[in-house]
Protein backbone atom coordinates (compact mmCIF):
# COMPACT_ATOMS: atom_id res chain seq x y z
CA MET A 1 -24.21 12.63 27.44
CA GLU A 2 -23.02 13.53 23.95
CA ASN A 3 -20.52 11.32 22.19
CA GLY A 4 -16.98 12.54 21.83
CA LYS A 5 -15.07 12.72 18.57
CA LEU A 6 -12.24 10.81 16.93
CA TYR A 7 -9.63 13.02 15.27
CA VAL A 8 -7.65 11.15 12.61
CA CYS A 9 -4.34 13.00 12.55
CA ALA A 10 -1.71 12.75 9.83
CA THR A 11 1.81 12.91 11.28
CA PRO A 12 5.24 13.33 9.63
CA ILE A 13 6.63 10.47 7.56
CA GLY A 14 10.15 11.45 8.54
CA ASN A 15 10.89 15.13 8.88
CA LEU A 16 9.22 16.39 12.09
CA GLU A 17 8.50 19.75 10.47
CA ASP A 18 6.00 18.12 8.10
CA ILE A 19 3.02 18.54 10.42
CA THR A 20 0.15 20.98 10.16
CA ILE A 21 -0.73 23.67 12.68
CA ARG A 22 -4.20 22.17 12.84
CA VAL A 23 -2.86 18.75 13.88
CA LEU A 24 -0.62 20.32 16.54
CA ASN A 25 -3.53 22.30 17.99
CA THR A 26 -5.69 19.18 18.01
CA LEU A 27 -3.04 17.09 19.79
CA LYS A 28 -2.81 19.80 22.45
CA ASN A 29 -6.55 19.83 23.08
CA VAL A 30 -7.73 16.22 23.00
CA ASP A 31 -8.24 14.10 26.11
CA LEU A 32 -6.27 11.12 24.84
CA ILE A 33 -3.93 10.17 21.99
CA ALA A 34 -4.18 6.62 20.58
CA ALA A 35 -0.85 5.79 18.95
CA GLU A 36 0.39 2.84 16.91
CA ASP A 37 3.67 2.94 18.87
CA THR A 38 3.68 5.19 21.95
CA ARG A 39 7.50 5.16 22.04
CA HIS A 40 7.57 6.62 18.55
CA THR A 41 4.81 9.16 19.14
CA ILE A 42 6.28 10.46 22.41
CA LYS A 43 9.28 11.74 20.43
CA LEU A 44 6.96 13.84 18.26
CA LEU A 45 5.03 15.12 21.28
CA ASN A 46 8.22 16.00 23.18
CA HIS A 47 9.55 17.85 20.14
CA TYR A 48 6.48 20.12 20.18
CA LYS A 49 6.19 20.20 23.98
CA ILE A 50 2.80 18.49 24.02
CA ASN A 51 1.89 16.66 27.21
CA LYS A 52 -1.15 14.44 26.79
CA PRO A 53 -2.06 10.89 27.93
CA LEU A 54 -1.04 8.20 25.44
CA THR A 55 -2.47 4.75 24.85
CA SER A 56 -1.35 2.09 22.39
CA TYR A 57 -3.58 1.04 19.52
CA HIS A 58 -1.95 -1.32 17.05
CA GLU A 59 -2.44 -4.44 14.94
CA HIS A 60 -2.10 -6.85 17.89
CA ASN A 61 -4.52 -5.17 20.31
CA ARG A 62 -6.89 -3.47 17.87
CA ILE A 63 -9.94 -5.60 18.73
CA LYS A 64 -9.81 -5.25 22.53
CA LYS A 65 -8.44 -1.71 22.56
CA GLY A 66 -10.81 -0.61 19.81
CA LEU A 67 -13.80 -1.46 21.98
CA GLN A 68 -12.23 0.36 24.94
CA LEU A 69 -11.70 3.48 22.84
CA ILE A 70 -15.31 3.35 21.61
CA GLU A 71 -16.52 3.28 25.23
CA LYS A 72 -14.42 6.36 26.02
CA LEU A 73 -15.76 8.14 22.95
CA LYS A 74 -19.32 7.34 24.05
CA LYS A 75 -18.50 9.02 27.37
CA GLY A 76 -17.56 12.22 25.57
CA TYR A 77 -13.80 11.81 25.21
CA LYS A 78 -11.99 13.60 22.41
CA ILE A 79 -9.40 11.17 21.06
CA ALA A 80 -6.65 11.73 18.50
CA LEU A 81 -5.61 8.73 16.40
CA VAL A 82 -2.06 8.72 15.05
CA SER A 83 0.05 6.13 13.27
CA ASP A 84 3.84 5.87 13.30
CA ALA A 85 3.96 7.97 10.14
CA GLY A 86 1.55 9.50 7.67
CA MET A 87 -2.22 9.10 7.57
CA PRO A 88 -3.84 6.59 9.95
CA GLY A 89 -6.05 4.07 8.20
CA ILE A 90 -3.73 3.56 5.24
CA SER A 91 -2.21 0.07 5.59
CA ASP A 92 -2.61 0.20 9.38
CA PRO A 93 -5.25 -0.75 11.99
CA GLY A 94 -6.68 2.77 12.07
CA GLU A 95 -9.10 1.48 9.43
CA ASP A 96 -10.81 -0.67 12.08
CA ILE A 97 -11.40 2.01 14.72
CA ILE A 98 -12.72 4.37 12.04
CA ARG A 99 -15.23 1.72 10.96
CA LEU A 100 -16.23 1.13 14.60
CA CYS A 101 -16.89 4.84 15.04
CA ILE A 102 -19.10 4.89 11.95
CA GLU A 103 -21.05 1.87 13.20
CA ASN A 104 -21.53 3.56 16.60
CA HIS A 105 -22.50 6.94 15.13
CA ILE A 106 -19.43 8.63 16.61
CA GLU A 107 -18.18 11.71 14.77
CA ILE A 108 -14.89 11.51 12.90
CA GLU A 109 -12.74 14.38 11.75
CA VAL A 110 -9.84 13.69 9.40
CA LEU A 111 -6.91 16.12 9.51
CA PRO A 112 -4.88 15.79 6.28
CA GLY A 113 -1.13 15.92 6.06
CA ALA A 114 1.96 13.99 5.00
CA SER A 115 1.50 10.84 2.90
CA ALA A 116 4.26 8.51 1.76
CA VAL A 117 2.13 7.24 -1.14
CA LEU A 118 1.50 10.68 -2.66
CA THR A 119 4.99 11.99 -1.91
CA ALA A 120 6.57 9.03 -3.70
CA LEU A 121 4.09 9.17 -6.59
CA VAL A 122 4.76 12.84 -7.33
CA ALA A 123 8.54 12.35 -7.05
CA SER A 124 8.53 9.25 -9.27
CA GLY A 125 7.92 10.94 -12.60
CA LEU A 126 5.52 8.12 -13.52
CA SER A 127 1.96 8.84 -14.60
CA THR A 128 -0.17 10.40 -11.85
CA ASP A 129 -3.39 10.55 -13.90
CA LYS A 130 -4.44 7.15 -12.61
CA PHE A 131 -2.78 5.02 -9.97
CA SER A 132 -3.56 1.99 -7.82
CA PHE A 133 -2.28 1.69 -4.25
CA GLU A 134 -1.73 -1.99 -3.42
CA GLY A 135 -0.15 -1.59 0.03
CA PHE A 136 1.92 -4.56 1.22
CA LEU A 137 1.77 -7.62 -1.04
CA GLY A 138 2.33 -9.88 1.98
CA ARG A 139 4.78 -12.45 3.29
CA ASN A 140 3.30 -15.46 1.54
CA LYS A 141 5.06 -16.03 -1.78
CA LYS A 142 2.11 -17.81 -3.39
CA LYS A 143 -0.39 -15.08 -2.47
CA ARG A 144 2.06 -12.37 -3.50
CA ARG A 145 2.49 -13.90 -6.94
CA GLU A 146 -1.25 -14.50 -7.31
CA ARG A 147 -1.91 -10.81 -6.64
CA LEU A 148 0.71 -9.75 -9.16
CA GLU A 149 -0.87 -12.04 -11.76
CA LYS A 150 -4.24 -10.36 -11.17
CA ILE A 151 -2.91 -6.83 -11.67
CA LYS A 152 -0.34 -7.43 -14.42
CA ALA A 153 -2.62 -6.00 -17.12
CA ASP A 154 -3.57 -2.89 -15.07
CA ASP A 155 -2.61 0.22 -17.06
CA ARG A 156 -2.45 2.45 -13.95
CA THR A 157 0.75 3.27 -12.07
CA LEU A 158 1.06 0.62 -9.35
CA VAL A 159 2.17 1.67 -5.85
CA PHE A 160 3.28 -0.70 -3.10
CA TYR A 161 4.82 -0.64 0.37
CA GLU A 162 7.56 -3.13 1.19
CA SER A 163 9.88 -3.96 4.07
CA PRO A 164 13.65 -4.22 3.53
CA HIS A 165 13.92 -7.94 4.33
CA ARG A 166 11.29 -8.88 1.70
CA LEU A 167 12.29 -6.37 -0.95
CA ILE A 168 14.53 -8.58 -3.12
CA ASN A 169 12.04 -11.47 -3.20
CA THR A 170 9.23 -9.08 -4.13
CA LEU A 171 11.30 -7.46 -6.88
CA ASN A 172 12.19 -10.86 -8.34
CA ASP A 173 8.51 -11.82 -8.44
CA MET A 174 7.62 -8.48 -10.05
CA ASN A 175 10.31 -8.88 -12.70
CA GLU A 176 9.09 -12.36 -13.58
CA ILE A 177 5.35 -11.63 -13.59
CA LEU A 178 5.07 -7.96 -14.61
CA ASN A 179 8.03 -8.18 -16.99
CA ASP A 180 10.97 -5.79 -16.89
CA ARG A 181 9.11 -2.46 -16.72
CA GLN A 182 10.20 0.96 -15.59
CA MET A 183 9.93 1.42 -11.85
CA VAL A 184 10.90 3.81 -9.08
CA ILE A 185 11.81 3.06 -5.48
CA ALA A 186 11.49 5.80 -2.87
CA ARG A 187 13.44 5.11 0.30
CA GLU A 188 13.39 6.94 3.63
CA LEU A 189 11.24 9.78 2.31
CA THR A 190 11.83 13.22 3.94
CA LYS A 191 14.57 11.74 6.13
CA LYS A 192 18.30 12.42 6.08
CA TYR A 193 19.07 9.51 3.75
CA GLU A 194 16.13 9.95 1.38
CA GLU A 195 16.80 8.22 -1.93
CA ILE A 196 14.87 7.97 -5.20
CA ILE A 197 16.04 5.16 -7.50
CA ARG A 198 14.78 4.89 -11.07
CA GLY A 199 15.26 2.24 -13.75
CA LYS A 200 13.98 -1.09 -15.04
CA ILE A 201 13.01 -3.65 -12.42
CA SER A 202 16.16 -5.62 -13.27
CA ASP A 203 18.28 -2.49 -12.73
CA ILE A 204 16.76 -2.02 -9.29
CA ILE A 205 17.43 -5.66 -8.39
CA ASN A 206 21.09 -5.26 -9.38
CA HIS A 207 21.32 -2.06 -7.33
CA PHE A 208 20.23 -3.81 -4.17
CA LYS A 209 22.55 -6.74 -4.74
CA ASP A 210 25.37 -4.27 -4.13
CA ASN A 211 23.48 -2.11 -1.61
CA PRO A 212 21.62 -4.14 1.04
CA PRO A 213 18.10 -2.70 1.52
CA LYS A 214 17.61 -0.51 4.59
CA GLY A 215 14.75 1.72 5.69
CA GLU A 216 11.15 2.13 4.56
CA PHE A 217 10.29 1.60 0.89
CA VAL A 218 7.61 2.74 -1.53
CA LEU A 219 7.66 0.86 -4.85
CA LEU A 220 6.13 2.39 -7.97
CA ILE A 221 5.80 0.57 -11.29
CA GLU A 222 4.54 1.88 -14.61
CA GLY A 223 1.21 0.51 -15.75
CA SER A 224 0.85 -2.16 -18.41
CA ASN A 225 1.07 -0.91 -21.98
CA ILE A 226 -1.18 -3.67 -23.27
CA ASP A 227 -4.03 -2.07 -25.20
CA GLU A 228 -7.05 -3.97 -23.91
CA SER A 229 -9.18 -2.64 -26.77
CA LYS A 230 -7.10 -4.47 -29.37
CA GLU A 231 -6.65 -8.12 -30.12
CA ILE A 232 -3.78 -9.48 -28.07
CA SER A 233 -0.63 -10.20 -30.05
CA PHE A 234 0.16 -13.66 -28.70
CA GLU A 235 3.73 -13.50 -29.98
CA ASP A 236 4.47 -11.28 -26.99
CA PHE A 237 3.27 -13.86 -24.45
CA SER A 238 3.80 -17.44 -23.41
CA ILE A 239 0.78 -19.71 -23.65
CA GLU A 240 0.39 -19.56 -19.85
CA ASP A 241 0.41 -15.74 -19.87
CA HIS A 242 -2.01 -15.70 -22.78
CA ILE A 243 -4.48 -17.84 -20.78
CA VAL A 244 -4.05 -15.69 -17.65
CA LEU A 245 -4.66 -12.47 -19.57
CA TYR A 246 -8.07 -13.69 -20.69
CA MET A 247 -8.88 -15.03 -17.23
CA ASN A 248 -8.05 -11.58 -15.83
CA LYS A 249 -10.64 -10.21 -18.25
CA GLY A 250 -13.30 -12.40 -16.63
CA LEU A 251 -13.25 -15.53 -18.78
CA SER A 252 -13.28 -18.92 -17.11
CA LYS A 253 -10.19 -21.06 -17.58
CA LYS A 254 -12.11 -23.26 -20.01
CA GLU A 255 -13.21 -20.25 -22.07
CA ALA A 256 -9.70 -18.76 -21.99
CA ILE A 257 -8.14 -22.02 -23.21
CA LYS A 258 -10.62 -22.24 -26.07
CA LYS A 259 -9.93 -18.63 -27.11
CA VAL A 260 -6.15 -19.03 -26.90
CA ALA A 261 -6.25 -22.23 -28.96
CA LYS A 262 -8.27 -20.45 -31.65
CA GLU A 263 -6.00 -17.38 -31.78
CA ARG A 264 -2.82 -19.46 -31.91
CA ASN A 265 -4.35 -21.99 -34.30
CA ILE A 266 -3.19 -24.92 -32.19
CA PRO A 267 -5.12 -27.86 -30.68
CA LYS A 268 -7.13 -27.07 -27.57
CA LYS A 269 -5.67 -30.08 -25.75
CA GLU A 270 -2.18 -28.62 -26.23
CA VAL A 271 -3.24 -25.34 -24.61
CA TYR A 272 -5.02 -27.29 -21.87
CA ARG A 273 -1.69 -28.88 -20.81
CA TYR A 274 -0.31 -25.39 -20.14
CA GLY A 275 -3.44 -24.38 -18.24
CA ILE A 276 -3.42 -27.26 -15.76
CA GLU A 277 -1.15 -25.46 -13.27
CA ILE A 278 -2.99 -22.12 -13.47
């Protein structure tokens, strides 16, 4: 028996009209639709009068259900994979079932469509030549700040997802670590209350002090303007930041401390005191 095929189907990120004819035809013709949230997906299917069996595939059942889906695919099933919105596999468990298919030599067909990342990036007005998608920074404050420290010197436009209840904490960390750069927040893209907010990070923080965050958010921040090809002007940085910048370039902490002490013309032991907590 020939293996079936997994169809990775992009679905609307808000407006139900943002779906391709190809995806609609595929959803009508597969044997099964694996959805991140069947209650959400059934609304889309009802809107287009599509009646197909649904099964849940999400973060909490991805291991057990993933194996079940692979067995069905091995039996010749044609299965469509959809997320709640946008392209499956981007910051969702679709990544795992796609990898399982590859490992089991099961054919995959990706059907492109709506993407919150690209929609927000194009609307932002920030540089689109180079960008880095960071997804969700995470709930843990320490890990979130560590990740921001690692990418603070990145000169690409930085793109993140964030939930409303963590937004203010994330923005405060960004303002402290990335400094007060230009940023854009895209909220509820393609939906009735779509909103694009532009300004410095501090401006955005003040906006949400008066307007409690609601909906789905894409955060975009301009890349660092530090010219990595030039000698760092230490006047622009604290001693701690100066050490971290060199560590981000690949130097050990010991090497970074030595270099900072030399550039600032201060004793190495003085710089070492600042590096203890890094």
